[in-house]
N, C-alpha and C. Protein backbone atom coordinates (compact mmCIF):
# COMPACT_ATOMS: atom_id res chain seq x y z
N MET A 1 -47.81 -95.33 -169.76
CA MET A 1 -46.56 -94.41 -169.77
C MET A 1 -45.24 -95.69 -168.89
N PRO A 2 -44.16 -94.93 -169.54
CA PRO A 2 -42.76 -95.94 -169.17
C PRO A 2 -42.68 -96.06 -167.76
N LYS A 3 -42.18 -96.54 -166.80
CA LYS A 3 -42.21 -96.70 -165.21
C LYS A 3 -41.40 -95.65 -164.82
N LEU A 4 -40.39 -94.99 -165.37
CA LEU A 4 -39.90 -94.06 -164.71
C LEU A 4 -40.37 -92.99 -164.72
N TRP A 5 -41.20 -92.66 -166.02
CA TRP A 5 -42.15 -91.66 -165.80
C TRP A 5 -43.21 -91.83 -164.90
N ASN A 6 -43.97 -92.96 -164.04
CA ASN A 6 -44.72 -93.14 -163.38
C ASN A 6 -44.03 -92.73 -162.03
N GLU A 7 -42.72 -93.42 -161.64
CA GLU A 7 -42.35 -92.91 -160.81
C GLU A 7 -41.50 -91.72 -160.59
N THR A 8 -41.43 -90.99 -161.35
CA THR A 8 -41.21 -89.35 -161.39
C THR A 8 -42.47 -88.52 -161.04
N VAL A 9 -43.67 -88.93 -161.45
CA VAL A 9 -44.70 -88.16 -161.32
C VAL A 9 -45.04 -88.48 -159.79
N GLU A 10 -44.85 -90.09 -159.57
CA GLU A 10 -45.32 -90.10 -157.85
C GLU A 10 -44.38 -89.33 -157.14
N ALA A 11 -43.24 -89.21 -157.07
CA ALA A 11 -42.31 -88.70 -156.71
C ALA A 11 -42.87 -86.93 -156.55
N HIS A 12 -42.76 -86.36 -157.47
CA HIS A 12 -43.40 -84.98 -157.39
C HIS A 12 -44.95 -85.07 -156.81
N ARG A 13 -46.05 -85.83 -156.71
CA ARG A 13 -46.53 -85.46 -156.04
C ARG A 13 -46.59 -85.90 -154.33
N THR A 14 -45.72 -86.69 -154.30
CA THR A 14 -44.95 -87.08 -152.81
C THR A 14 -44.49 -85.81 -152.23
N GLN A 15 -43.50 -84.99 -152.83
CA GLN A 15 -42.98 -84.15 -153.02
C GLN A 15 -44.32 -82.67 -152.28
N VAL A 16 -45.17 -82.27 -153.21
CA VAL A 16 -46.12 -81.45 -153.02
C VAL A 16 -46.87 -81.95 -151.90
N ARG A 17 -47.62 -83.13 -151.55
CA ARG A 17 -48.39 -83.49 -150.53
C ARG A 17 -47.75 -83.02 -149.07
N ASP A 18 -46.40 -83.70 -149.15
CA ASP A 18 -45.39 -83.27 -147.87
C ASP A 18 -45.42 -81.53 -147.50
N ALA A 19 -45.16 -80.82 -148.69
CA ALA A 19 -44.51 -79.87 -148.52
C ALA A 19 -46.30 -78.84 -148.15
N ILE A 20 -46.97 -79.13 -148.52
CA ILE A 20 -48.73 -78.67 -148.05
C ILE A 20 -48.71 -79.33 -146.62
N VAL A 21 -48.20 -80.36 -146.52
CA VAL A 21 -48.57 -80.87 -144.79
C VAL A 21 -47.56 -80.32 -143.83
N ASP A 22 -46.40 -80.02 -144.14
CA ASP A 22 -45.78 -79.13 -143.29
C ASP A 22 -45.58 -77.69 -143.58
N SER A 23 -46.47 -77.32 -144.48
CA SER A 23 -46.77 -76.07 -144.47
C SER A 23 -48.05 -75.69 -143.18
N ALA A 24 -48.74 -76.45 -143.58
CA ALA A 24 -50.04 -76.43 -142.90
C ALA A 24 -50.09 -76.80 -141.23
N ALA A 25 -48.67 -77.52 -140.86
CA ALA A 25 -48.55 -77.49 -139.59
C ALA A 25 -47.66 -76.23 -139.08
N ALA A 26 -46.64 -75.88 -139.49
CA ALA A 26 -46.25 -74.84 -139.65
C ALA A 26 -47.13 -73.59 -139.45
N LEU A 27 -48.11 -73.31 -139.98
CA LEU A 27 -48.57 -72.04 -140.30
C LEU A 27 -49.78 -72.20 -138.47
N VAL A 28 -50.26 -73.71 -138.71
CA VAL A 28 -50.99 -73.48 -137.39
C VAL A 28 -50.17 -73.47 -135.77
N PHE A 29 -48.98 -74.05 -136.13
CA PHE A 29 -48.23 -73.41 -134.60
C PHE A 29 -47.81 -72.14 -134.29
N GLU A 30 -48.17 -71.57 -135.83
CA GLU A 30 -47.82 -70.07 -135.92
C GLU A 30 -48.87 -69.17 -135.44
N HIS A 31 -50.07 -69.50 -136.21
CA HIS A 31 -51.52 -68.53 -135.63
C HIS A 31 -52.43 -69.34 -135.05
N GLY A 32 -52.45 -70.73 -134.61
CA GLY A 32 -53.27 -71.35 -134.09
C GLY A 32 -54.35 -72.13 -134.84
N LEU A 33 -54.99 -73.32 -134.83
CA LEU A 33 -55.67 -73.91 -135.41
C LEU A 33 -56.66 -73.47 -135.95
N ARG A 34 -57.65 -72.56 -135.32
CA ARG A 34 -58.61 -71.98 -136.75
C ARG A 34 -57.90 -70.96 -137.85
N ALA A 35 -57.07 -70.54 -137.01
CA ALA A 35 -56.83 -69.29 -137.88
C ALA A 35 -56.35 -69.34 -139.39
N VAL A 36 -55.98 -70.45 -139.80
CA VAL A 36 -55.19 -70.79 -141.01
C VAL A 36 -56.47 -71.56 -142.37
N THR A 37 -56.13 -70.72 -143.33
CA THR A 37 -57.04 -70.95 -144.23
C THR A 37 -56.40 -71.63 -145.34
N MET A 38 -56.76 -72.51 -146.31
CA MET A 38 -56.51 -72.79 -147.57
C MET A 38 -55.03 -72.28 -148.69
N SER A 39 -55.67 -70.58 -148.39
CA SER A 39 -55.09 -69.76 -149.41
C SER A 39 -53.71 -69.46 -148.39
N GLN A 40 -53.61 -69.40 -147.28
CA GLN A 40 -52.27 -69.32 -146.91
C GLN A 40 -51.71 -70.65 -146.83
N ILE A 41 -52.08 -71.77 -146.44
CA ILE A 41 -51.27 -72.66 -146.78
C ILE A 41 -50.56 -73.10 -148.29
N ALA A 42 -51.76 -72.72 -149.18
CA ALA A 42 -51.05 -72.88 -150.66
C ALA A 42 -49.75 -71.49 -151.10
N GLU A 43 -50.04 -70.60 -150.60
CA GLU A 43 -49.06 -69.68 -150.32
C GLU A 43 -47.89 -70.18 -150.08
N HIS A 44 -47.66 -70.57 -148.90
CA HIS A 44 -46.69 -70.95 -147.93
C HIS A 44 -45.95 -72.13 -148.35
N ALA A 45 -47.04 -73.63 -148.95
CA ALA A 45 -46.22 -74.36 -149.65
C ALA A 45 -45.60 -74.23 -151.28
N GLY A 46 -45.94 -72.48 -151.69
CA GLY A 46 -45.58 -72.32 -153.00
C GLY A 46 -46.32 -72.76 -154.38
N ILE A 47 -47.57 -72.90 -153.73
CA ILE A 47 -48.43 -73.69 -154.89
C ILE A 47 -49.67 -72.74 -154.97
N GLY A 48 -50.26 -73.35 -156.34
CA GLY A 48 -52.04 -73.03 -156.23
C GLY A 48 -52.77 -73.48 -155.20
N ARG A 49 -53.89 -72.64 -154.98
CA ARG A 49 -54.76 -73.22 -154.60
C ARG A 49 -55.55 -74.23 -155.17
N ALA A 50 -55.91 -74.14 -156.44
CA ALA A 50 -56.06 -75.32 -157.47
C ALA A 50 -55.61 -76.64 -157.04
N THR A 51 -54.26 -76.71 -156.84
CA THR A 51 -53.70 -77.40 -156.82
C THR A 51 -53.44 -77.74 -155.59
N LEU A 52 -53.78 -77.07 -154.62
CA LEU A 52 -53.98 -77.59 -153.18
C LEU A 52 -55.34 -78.46 -153.15
N TYR A 53 -56.36 -77.99 -153.96
CA TYR A 53 -57.25 -78.54 -153.54
C TYR A 53 -57.38 -80.08 -154.27
N LYS A 54 -56.54 -80.16 -155.08
CA LYS A 54 -56.59 -81.68 -155.75
C LYS A 54 -55.88 -82.88 -154.73
N TYR A 55 -55.18 -82.47 -153.82
CA TYR A 55 -54.86 -83.11 -152.92
C TYR A 55 -55.80 -82.80 -151.47
N PHE A 56 -56.26 -82.02 -151.04
CA PHE A 56 -56.71 -82.10 -149.67
C PHE A 56 -58.21 -81.32 -149.95
N PRO A 57 -59.11 -81.87 -149.50
CA PRO A 57 -60.41 -80.88 -149.36
C PRO A 57 -60.47 -79.43 -148.59
N ASP A 58 -59.48 -79.76 -147.06
CA ASP A 58 -60.01 -78.47 -146.40
C ASP A 58 -58.62 -78.47 -145.31
N VAL A 59 -58.68 -77.73 -144.45
CA VAL A 59 -56.93 -77.85 -143.75
C VAL A 59 -57.51 -78.83 -142.78
N ASP A 60 -58.90 -79.49 -142.14
CA ASP A 60 -58.80 -80.66 -141.01
C ASP A 60 -57.92 -81.89 -141.30
N ALA A 61 -58.37 -81.90 -142.96
CA ALA A 61 -57.97 -83.15 -143.96
C ALA A 61 -56.78 -82.81 -143.91
N ILE A 62 -55.59 -82.13 -144.10
CA ILE A 62 -54.25 -81.71 -144.44
C ILE A 62 -53.65 -81.89 -142.48
N LEU A 63 -54.00 -81.40 -141.71
CA LEU A 63 -53.94 -81.67 -140.29
C LEU A 63 -53.96 -83.15 -139.80
N ARG A 64 -55.02 -83.78 -140.01
CA ARG A 64 -55.32 -85.24 -139.71
C ARG A 64 -54.11 -86.18 -140.46
N THR A 65 -53.83 -85.57 -141.98
CA THR A 65 -52.48 -86.38 -142.36
C THR A 65 -50.98 -86.23 -141.75
N TRP A 66 -51.20 -84.64 -141.25
CA TRP A 66 -50.19 -84.28 -139.92
C TRP A 66 -49.80 -85.18 -139.15
N HIS A 67 -51.00 -85.56 -138.55
CA HIS A 67 -50.93 -86.11 -137.52
C HIS A 67 -50.88 -87.54 -137.28
N THR A 68 -51.32 -87.85 -138.54
CA THR A 68 -51.07 -89.47 -138.91
C THR A 68 -49.44 -89.99 -138.95
N ARG A 69 -48.79 -88.81 -139.90
CA ARG A 69 -47.57 -89.27 -139.90
C ARG A 69 -47.02 -89.05 -139.04
N ARG A 70 -46.79 -88.27 -137.98
CA ARG A 70 -46.51 -87.91 -136.66
C ARG A 70 -46.67 -89.15 -135.91
N VAL A 71 -47.72 -89.84 -135.61
CA VAL A 71 -47.68 -90.91 -134.88
C VAL A 71 -47.17 -92.41 -135.25
N GLU A 72 -47.47 -92.50 -136.35
CA GLU A 72 -46.56 -93.50 -137.30
C GLU A 72 -45.13 -93.34 -137.10
N GLU A 73 -44.33 -91.80 -137.59
CA GLU A 73 -43.32 -92.18 -137.33
C GLU A 73 -42.68 -92.42 -136.15
N HIS A 74 -43.22 -91.91 -134.79
CA HIS A 74 -42.91 -91.74 -133.34
C HIS A 74 -43.01 -93.75 -133.11
N LEU A 75 -43.92 -94.30 -133.38
CA LEU A 75 -44.61 -95.62 -133.12
C LEU A 75 -43.10 -96.52 -134.06
N ALA A 76 -42.75 -96.23 -135.21
CA ALA A 76 -41.44 -96.92 -135.93
C ALA A 76 -40.28 -96.59 -135.40
N GLU A 77 -40.24 -95.36 -134.48
CA GLU A 77 -39.15 -95.24 -133.59
C GLU A 77 -39.22 -96.12 -131.99
N LEU A 78 -40.36 -96.02 -131.71
CA LEU A 78 -40.00 -96.96 -130.80
C LEU A 78 -39.96 -98.36 -131.34
N VAL A 79 -40.69 -98.88 -132.13
CA VAL A 79 -40.06 -100.26 -132.53
C VAL A 79 -38.71 -100.42 -133.07
N ARG A 80 -38.18 -99.31 -133.47
CA ARG A 80 -36.68 -99.82 -133.32
C ARG A 80 -35.98 -99.27 -132.19
N VAL A 81 -36.22 -99.16 -131.22
CA VAL A 81 -35.98 -98.76 -129.84
C VAL A 81 -35.98 -99.99 -129.04
N ARG A 82 -37.29 -100.85 -129.42
CA ARG A 82 -37.38 -101.81 -128.68
C ARG A 82 -36.38 -103.01 -129.64
N ALA A 83 -35.75 -103.07 -130.45
CA ALA A 83 -35.42 -103.93 -131.08
C ALA A 83 -33.93 -104.02 -131.24
N GLY A 84 -33.45 -103.17 -130.22
CA GLY A 84 -32.37 -102.70 -129.79
C GLY A 84 -31.93 -104.13 -128.85
N SER A 85 -30.50 -103.94 -128.40
CA SER A 85 -30.14 -104.75 -127.47
C SER A 85 -30.04 -104.98 -126.31
N GLY A 86 -29.99 -105.85 -125.30
CA GLY A 86 -30.13 -105.56 -124.18
C GLY A 86 -31.42 -106.43 -123.52
N THR A 87 -31.17 -106.52 -122.18
CA THR A 87 -32.69 -107.20 -122.00
C THR A 87 -33.59 -106.81 -122.15
N ALA A 88 -34.97 -107.89 -121.74
CA ALA A 88 -36.20 -107.42 -121.94
C ALA A 88 -36.43 -105.69 -121.10
N GLY A 89 -35.87 -105.69 -119.80
CA GLY A 89 -36.43 -104.81 -119.38
C GLY A 89 -35.55 -103.18 -119.70
N ALA A 90 -34.19 -103.78 -120.16
CA ALA A 90 -33.26 -102.21 -120.88
C ALA A 90 -33.86 -101.84 -121.48
N ARG A 91 -34.55 -102.98 -122.47
CA ARG A 91 -35.28 -102.57 -124.03
C ARG A 91 -36.39 -101.74 -123.68
N LEU A 92 -37.39 -101.92 -122.65
CA LEU A 92 -38.66 -101.50 -121.90
C LEU A 92 -38.21 -100.10 -121.57
N THR A 93 -37.46 -100.24 -120.69
CA THR A 93 -36.73 -99.02 -120.18
C THR A 93 -36.42 -97.84 -121.15
N ALA A 94 -35.93 -98.37 -121.98
CA ALA A 94 -35.49 -97.35 -123.72
C ALA A 94 -36.86 -97.27 -124.39
N VAL A 95 -37.98 -97.97 -124.41
CA VAL A 95 -39.38 -97.72 -124.90
C VAL A 95 -40.15 -96.87 -124.24
N LEU A 96 -39.76 -96.72 -122.57
CA LEU A 96 -40.42 -95.96 -121.98
C LEU A 96 -40.05 -94.41 -121.56
N ARG A 97 -38.48 -94.07 -122.16
CA ARG A 97 -37.88 -92.97 -122.12
C ARG A 97 -38.31 -92.83 -123.38
N SER A 98 -38.05 -93.14 -124.40
CA SER A 98 -38.23 -92.84 -125.97
C SER A 98 -39.76 -92.45 -125.94
N TYR A 99 -40.62 -92.76 -125.57
CA TYR A 99 -42.08 -92.51 -125.49
C TYR A 99 -42.35 -91.25 -124.85
N ALA A 100 -42.11 -91.13 -123.40
CA ALA A 100 -42.22 -89.56 -122.61
C ALA A 100 -41.36 -88.86 -123.19
N HIS A 101 -40.16 -89.02 -123.88
CA HIS A 101 -39.75 -87.98 -124.41
C HIS A 101 -40.45 -87.29 -125.46
N GLY A 102 -40.72 -88.12 -126.61
CA GLY A 102 -41.78 -87.83 -127.24
C GLY A 102 -42.94 -86.86 -127.32
N MET A 103 -43.73 -87.86 -125.96
CA MET A 103 -45.12 -86.82 -125.80
C MET A 103 -44.20 -85.33 -125.25
N HIS A 104 -43.43 -84.97 -124.23
CA HIS A 104 -42.50 -83.99 -123.73
C HIS A 104 -42.33 -83.03 -125.56
N ARG A 105 -42.07 -83.84 -126.16
CA ARG A 105 -41.94 -82.55 -127.13
C ARG A 105 -42.85 -82.43 -127.95
N ALA A 106 -43.81 -83.15 -128.03
CA ALA A 106 -45.56 -82.83 -128.68
C ALA A 106 -46.16 -81.67 -127.91
N GLY A 107 -45.35 -81.96 -126.53
CA GLY A 107 -46.30 -80.70 -125.88
C GLY A 107 -47.76 -80.48 -126.13
N ARG A 108 -48.16 -79.39 -125.33
CA ARG A 108 -49.37 -79.19 -125.50
C ARG A 108 -50.15 -78.97 -126.80
N HIS A 109 -49.35 -78.21 -127.97
CA HIS A 109 -49.74 -77.95 -129.56
C HIS A 109 -50.08 -79.00 -129.66
N ASP A 110 -49.41 -80.16 -129.93
CA ASP A 110 -50.20 -81.45 -130.80
C ASP A 110 -51.19 -81.82 -130.08
N ARG A 111 -51.19 -82.02 -128.87
CA ARG A 111 -52.44 -82.60 -128.01
C ARG A 111 -53.81 -81.69 -128.63
N GLY A 112 -53.82 -80.51 -128.26
CA GLY A 112 -54.66 -79.68 -129.08
C GLY A 112 -54.95 -79.94 -130.41
N LEU A 113 -54.18 -80.21 -131.10
CA LEU A 113 -54.58 -81.29 -132.44
C LEU A 113 -55.05 -82.05 -132.56
N VAL A 114 -54.79 -82.77 -131.73
CA VAL A 114 -55.46 -84.41 -131.69
C VAL A 114 -56.76 -84.43 -131.36
N GLN A 115 -56.77 -83.82 -129.51
CA GLN A 115 -58.28 -83.71 -129.93
C GLN A 115 -59.24 -82.84 -130.50
N ALA A 116 -58.91 -81.49 -131.03
CA ALA A 116 -59.58 -80.70 -131.91
C ALA A 116 -60.03 -81.78 -133.39
N LEU A 117 -59.04 -82.14 -133.61
CA LEU A 117 -59.09 -83.27 -135.22
C LEU A 117 -59.52 -84.93 -135.28
N HIS A 118 -59.03 -85.51 -134.38
CA HIS A 118 -58.90 -86.87 -133.96
C HIS A 118 -60.06 -87.47 -132.68
N PRO A 119 -61.62 -87.46 -133.24
CA PRO A 119 -61.72 -88.42 -132.05
C PRO A 119 -61.06 -89.50 -131.79
N ASP A 120 -61.57 -90.30 -130.61
CA ASP A 120 -60.78 -91.22 -130.03
C ASP A 120 -60.92 -92.48 -130.80
N GLU A 121 -61.61 -92.85 -131.87
CA GLU A 121 -61.47 -93.90 -132.60
C GLU A 121 -60.91 -93.74 -133.57
N GLN A 122 -60.40 -92.45 -133.68
CA GLN A 122 -59.59 -92.28 -135.23
C GLN A 122 -57.91 -93.06 -134.82
N ILE A 123 -58.01 -92.82 -133.47
CA ILE A 123 -56.30 -92.85 -132.56
C ILE A 123 -56.12 -93.71 -132.31
N SER A 124 -57.35 -94.97 -131.60
CA SER A 124 -57.51 -95.98 -131.37
C SER A 124 -56.42 -96.90 -131.84
N ASP A 125 -56.46 -97.11 -133.18
CA ASP A 125 -55.13 -98.26 -133.48
C ASP A 125 -54.01 -98.16 -133.17
N ALA A 126 -53.06 -96.89 -133.18
CA ALA A 126 -52.17 -96.63 -133.33
C ALA A 126 -51.79 -96.72 -131.28
N ARG A 127 -52.29 -96.38 -130.82
CA ARG A 127 -52.31 -96.83 -129.03
C ARG A 127 -52.74 -97.61 -128.72
N ASN A 128 -53.52 -99.07 -129.51
CA ASN A 128 -53.39 -100.21 -129.34
C ASN A 128 -52.29 -100.97 -129.49
N ARG A 129 -51.81 -100.44 -130.73
CA ARG A 129 -50.02 -100.95 -131.39
C ARG A 129 -49.23 -100.71 -130.06
N LEU A 130 -49.17 -99.53 -129.48
CA LEU A 130 -48.15 -98.98 -128.71
C LEU A 130 -48.64 -99.74 -127.72
N ARG A 131 -49.42 -99.90 -126.98
CA ARG A 131 -49.89 -100.90 -125.73
C ARG A 131 -49.49 -102.08 -125.73
N GLU A 132 -49.43 -102.93 -127.43
CA GLU A 132 -49.39 -104.23 -127.78
C GLU A 132 -47.87 -104.20 -127.31
N LEU A 133 -46.86 -103.26 -127.80
CA LEU A 133 -45.36 -103.38 -127.90
C LEU A 133 -44.76 -103.13 -126.73
N ILE A 134 -45.76 -102.70 -125.28
CA ILE A 134 -45.15 -102.36 -124.40
C ILE A 134 -45.57 -103.36 -123.51
N SER A 135 -46.77 -103.86 -123.91
CA SER A 135 -47.12 -105.37 -122.63
C SER A 135 -46.34 -106.50 -123.06
N GLU A 136 -45.81 -106.45 -124.46
CA GLU A 136 -45.11 -107.25 -124.92
C GLU A 136 -43.42 -107.67 -124.53
N LEU A 137 -43.01 -106.64 -123.99
CA LEU A 137 -41.72 -106.24 -123.45
C LEU A 137 -41.94 -106.36 -121.90
N ILE A 138 -43.50 -106.05 -121.48
CA ILE A 138 -43.15 -106.02 -120.00
C ILE A 138 -43.39 -107.60 -119.76
N ALA A 139 -44.15 -108.54 -120.37
CA ALA A 139 -44.23 -110.18 -120.65
C ALA A 139 -42.77 -110.81 -120.58
N GLU A 140 -42.27 -110.30 -121.46
CA GLU A 140 -41.04 -110.68 -121.76
C GLU A 140 -40.05 -110.57 -120.86
N ALA A 141 -40.27 -109.42 -120.14
CA ALA A 141 -39.42 -109.33 -118.70
C ALA A 141 -39.87 -109.48 -117.51
N ALA A 142 -40.89 -109.71 -117.36
CA ALA A 142 -41.58 -110.19 -116.12
C ALA A 142 -41.06 -111.99 -116.17
N TYR A 143 -41.34 -112.30 -117.55
CA TYR A 143 -40.63 -113.61 -117.80
C TYR A 143 -39.24 -114.01 -116.90
N SER A 144 -38.62 -113.42 -117.70
CA SER A 144 -37.05 -113.22 -116.62
C SER A 144 -36.89 -113.08 -115.56
N GLY A 145 -38.13 -112.46 -114.91
CA GLY A 145 -37.59 -112.36 -113.32
C GLY A 145 -37.40 -110.82 -113.16
N GLU A 146 -37.40 -110.07 -114.09
CA GLU A 146 -36.41 -108.37 -114.16
C GLU A 146 -37.58 -107.53 -113.52
N LEU A 147 -38.71 -108.26 -113.79
CA LEU A 147 -39.92 -107.63 -113.42
C LEU A 147 -40.84 -108.04 -112.76
N ARG A 148 -41.91 -107.47 -111.78
CA ARG A 148 -42.66 -108.26 -111.41
C ARG A 148 -43.62 -108.93 -112.63
N ASP A 149 -44.41 -109.86 -111.78
CA ASP A 149 -45.14 -110.65 -112.35
C ASP A 149 -46.97 -111.20 -112.40
N ASP A 150 -46.77 -110.31 -110.97
CA ASP A 150 -48.35 -110.60 -110.12
C ASP A 150 -49.50 -109.92 -110.83
N ILE A 151 -49.12 -108.95 -111.74
CA ILE A 151 -50.36 -108.13 -112.71
C ILE A 151 -50.33 -108.69 -113.73
N ALA A 152 -51.12 -108.26 -114.17
CA ALA A 152 -51.35 -109.08 -116.11
C ALA A 152 -50.36 -107.63 -117.18
N ALA A 153 -49.55 -108.28 -118.19
CA ALA A 153 -48.59 -107.34 -118.73
C ALA A 153 -49.70 -106.19 -119.45
N ASP A 154 -50.69 -106.01 -119.76
CA ASP A 154 -51.67 -105.30 -120.12
C ASP A 154 -52.16 -104.23 -119.61
N GLU A 155 -52.33 -104.79 -117.98
CA GLU A 155 -52.36 -103.24 -117.15
C GLU A 155 -51.64 -102.96 -116.55
N LEU A 156 -50.41 -103.71 -116.62
CA LEU A 156 -49.08 -102.68 -116.40
C LEU A 156 -48.60 -101.62 -117.62
N ALA A 157 -49.00 -102.38 -118.80
CA ALA A 157 -48.59 -101.51 -119.85
C ALA A 157 -49.59 -99.89 -119.86
N ASP A 158 -50.66 -100.16 -119.65
CA ASP A 158 -51.86 -99.38 -119.57
C ASP A 158 -51.44 -98.38 -118.19
N TYR A 159 -51.27 -98.89 -117.39
CA TYR A 159 -50.46 -97.96 -115.98
C TYR A 159 -49.35 -97.39 -116.92
N CYS A 160 -48.06 -97.78 -117.41
CA CYS A 160 -47.19 -96.62 -118.05
C CYS A 160 -47.26 -95.68 -119.07
N LEU A 161 -48.31 -95.95 -119.93
CA LEU A 161 -48.81 -95.05 -120.64
C LEU A 161 -49.93 -94.08 -120.55
N HIS A 162 -50.99 -94.30 -119.35
CA HIS A 162 -51.14 -93.47 -118.58
C HIS A 162 -50.33 -92.44 -117.86
N ALA A 163 -49.68 -92.92 -117.20
CA ALA A 163 -48.47 -91.98 -116.38
C ALA A 163 -47.60 -91.38 -116.82
N LEU A 164 -47.08 -92.03 -118.08
CA LEU A 164 -46.26 -91.02 -119.08
C LEU A 164 -46.66 -90.13 -120.26
N THR A 165 -48.40 -89.72 -120.04
CA THR A 165 -49.08 -89.03 -120.97
C THR A 165 -48.50 -87.45 -120.02
N ALA A 166 -48.17 -87.43 -119.13
CA ALA A 166 -48.14 -86.47 -118.26
C ALA A 166 -46.57 -85.80 -118.91
N ALA A 167 -45.77 -86.81 -119.61
CA ALA A 167 -44.43 -85.89 -119.85
C ALA A 167 -44.76 -84.58 -120.85
N ALA A 168 -46.17 -84.65 -121.49
CA ALA A 168 -46.45 -83.71 -122.54
C ALA A 168 -46.35 -82.22 -121.47
N GLU A 169 -46.61 -82.57 -120.42
CA GLU A 169 -46.61 -81.33 -119.16
C GLU A 169 -45.61 -81.12 -118.61
N LEU A 170 -44.42 -81.60 -118.30
CA LEU A 170 -43.13 -81.26 -117.69
C LEU A 170 -42.48 -80.17 -118.13
N GLY A 171 -41.38 -79.55 -117.48
CA GLY A 171 -41.18 -78.41 -118.13
C GLY A 171 -39.23 -78.50 -118.30
N SER A 172 -38.95 -79.80 -118.42
CA SER A 172 -37.38 -80.43 -119.02
C SER A 172 -37.27 -81.57 -118.76
N ASP A 173 -36.18 -82.14 -119.51
CA ASP A 173 -35.84 -83.42 -120.00
C ASP A 173 -35.50 -84.33 -118.32
N ALA A 174 -35.15 -83.56 -117.76
CA ALA A 174 -34.76 -84.26 -116.17
C ALA A 174 -35.88 -84.56 -116.10
N ALA A 175 -37.10 -83.36 -115.59
CA ALA A 175 -38.47 -84.16 -115.34
C ALA A 175 -38.90 -85.10 -115.55
N VAL A 176 -38.63 -85.24 -117.18
CA VAL A 176 -39.07 -86.50 -117.85
C VAL A 176 -38.63 -87.73 -117.44
N ASP A 177 -37.24 -87.72 -117.50
CA ASP A 177 -36.44 -88.65 -116.84
C ASP A 177 -37.21 -89.21 -115.38
N ARG A 178 -37.04 -88.43 -114.61
CA ARG A 178 -37.69 -88.90 -113.62
C ARG A 178 -39.13 -89.34 -113.75
N LEU A 179 -39.60 -88.84 -114.29
CA LEU A 179 -41.39 -89.56 -114.39
C LEU A 179 -41.01 -90.85 -114.69
N VAL A 180 -40.08 -91.32 -115.82
CA VAL A 180 -40.08 -92.48 -116.32
C VAL A 180 -39.57 -93.62 -115.05
N ALA A 181 -38.42 -92.93 -114.35
CA ALA A 181 -37.72 -94.00 -113.13
C ALA A 181 -38.96 -93.88 -112.32
N VAL A 182 -40.21 -93.20 -112.04
CA VAL A 182 -41.14 -93.27 -111.03
C VAL A 182 -41.62 -94.22 -111.99
N THR A 183 -41.94 -94.23 -112.78
CA THR A 183 -43.46 -95.24 -113.76
C THR A 183 -42.42 -97.00 -113.54
N ALA A 184 -41.56 -96.99 -113.56
CA ALA A 184 -40.84 -98.46 -114.27
C ALA A 184 -40.63 -98.46 -112.80
N ALA A 185 -40.30 -97.86 -111.41
CA ALA A 185 -39.79 -98.40 -110.10
C ALA A 185 -41.57 -98.94 -109.94
N GLY A 186 -42.78 -98.26 -110.38
CA GLY A 186 -43.88 -99.38 -110.19
C GLY A 186 -43.92 -100.69 -110.66
N LEU A 187 -43.28 -100.63 -111.67
CA LEU A 187 -42.99 -102.15 -112.36
C LEU A 187 -41.65 -103.44 -111.81
N ARG A 188 -41.10 -102.39 -110.75
CA ARG A 188 -39.91 -103.12 -109.95
C ARG A 188 -39.12 -103.17 -111.03
N LEU A 189 -38.92 -101.98 -111.83
CA LEU A 189 -37.91 -102.06 -112.69
C LEU A 189 -37.28 -101.43 -112.51
N GLN A 190 -35.33 -100.93 -112.00
CA GLN A 190 -34.73 -100.46 -111.81
C GLN A 190 -34.05 -99.85 -112.70
N VAL A 191 -34.00 -98.50 -112.83
CA VAL A 191 -33.80 -97.42 -113.64
C VAL A 191 -33.13 -96.13 -113.27
N GLU A 192 -31.53 -96.46 -113.99
CA GLU A 192 -31.33 -95.36 -113.01
C GLU A 192 -31.60 -93.44 -113.97
N VAL A 193 -31.75 -92.35 -113.17
CA VAL A 193 -32.03 -91.10 -114.06
C VAL A 193 -30.40 -90.48 -114.27
N GLU A 194 -30.60 -90.37 -115.73
CA GLU A 194 -29.36 -89.93 -116.54
C GLU A 194 -29.71 -88.43 -115.83
């Protein structure tokens, strides 16, 4: 097959796959995790059931794909924030704020999906990557004297991640910013609440 044909077919497959994943997520948020069927997803995506089954064997597989995509997008955003300008402490604050606001946006719906679809070992890689990203920034900021160096950076990263998980339960962006400020204070990092 010519290269252009292969690229066109692959682009079409990607579009269909994305439509399936987006449709499944929308239906789950509307009707609940166990109330969605493959037939509903096919109809919502505008494809036939036979086509749907060529891509995914069941609803859980679709939702696992959706969650993996969301996690990867969030991690990529945090890497972009980390690469920003400013001191290590300022970049750490920006990463913590971005992570907390991401948790807040995900809220209870995403967490329920994660717990239902992903045993801990399936999401541990993403959590380890996130922990490493934050730990490296903490170590850099501690080395430059911006925050405490009496506790290992890995321990402080765990502290931050556990504390900021609470952002999913908070009622406002201002509350999330206050949580980030309190968490950062535990690192002896000065953060202004916006």
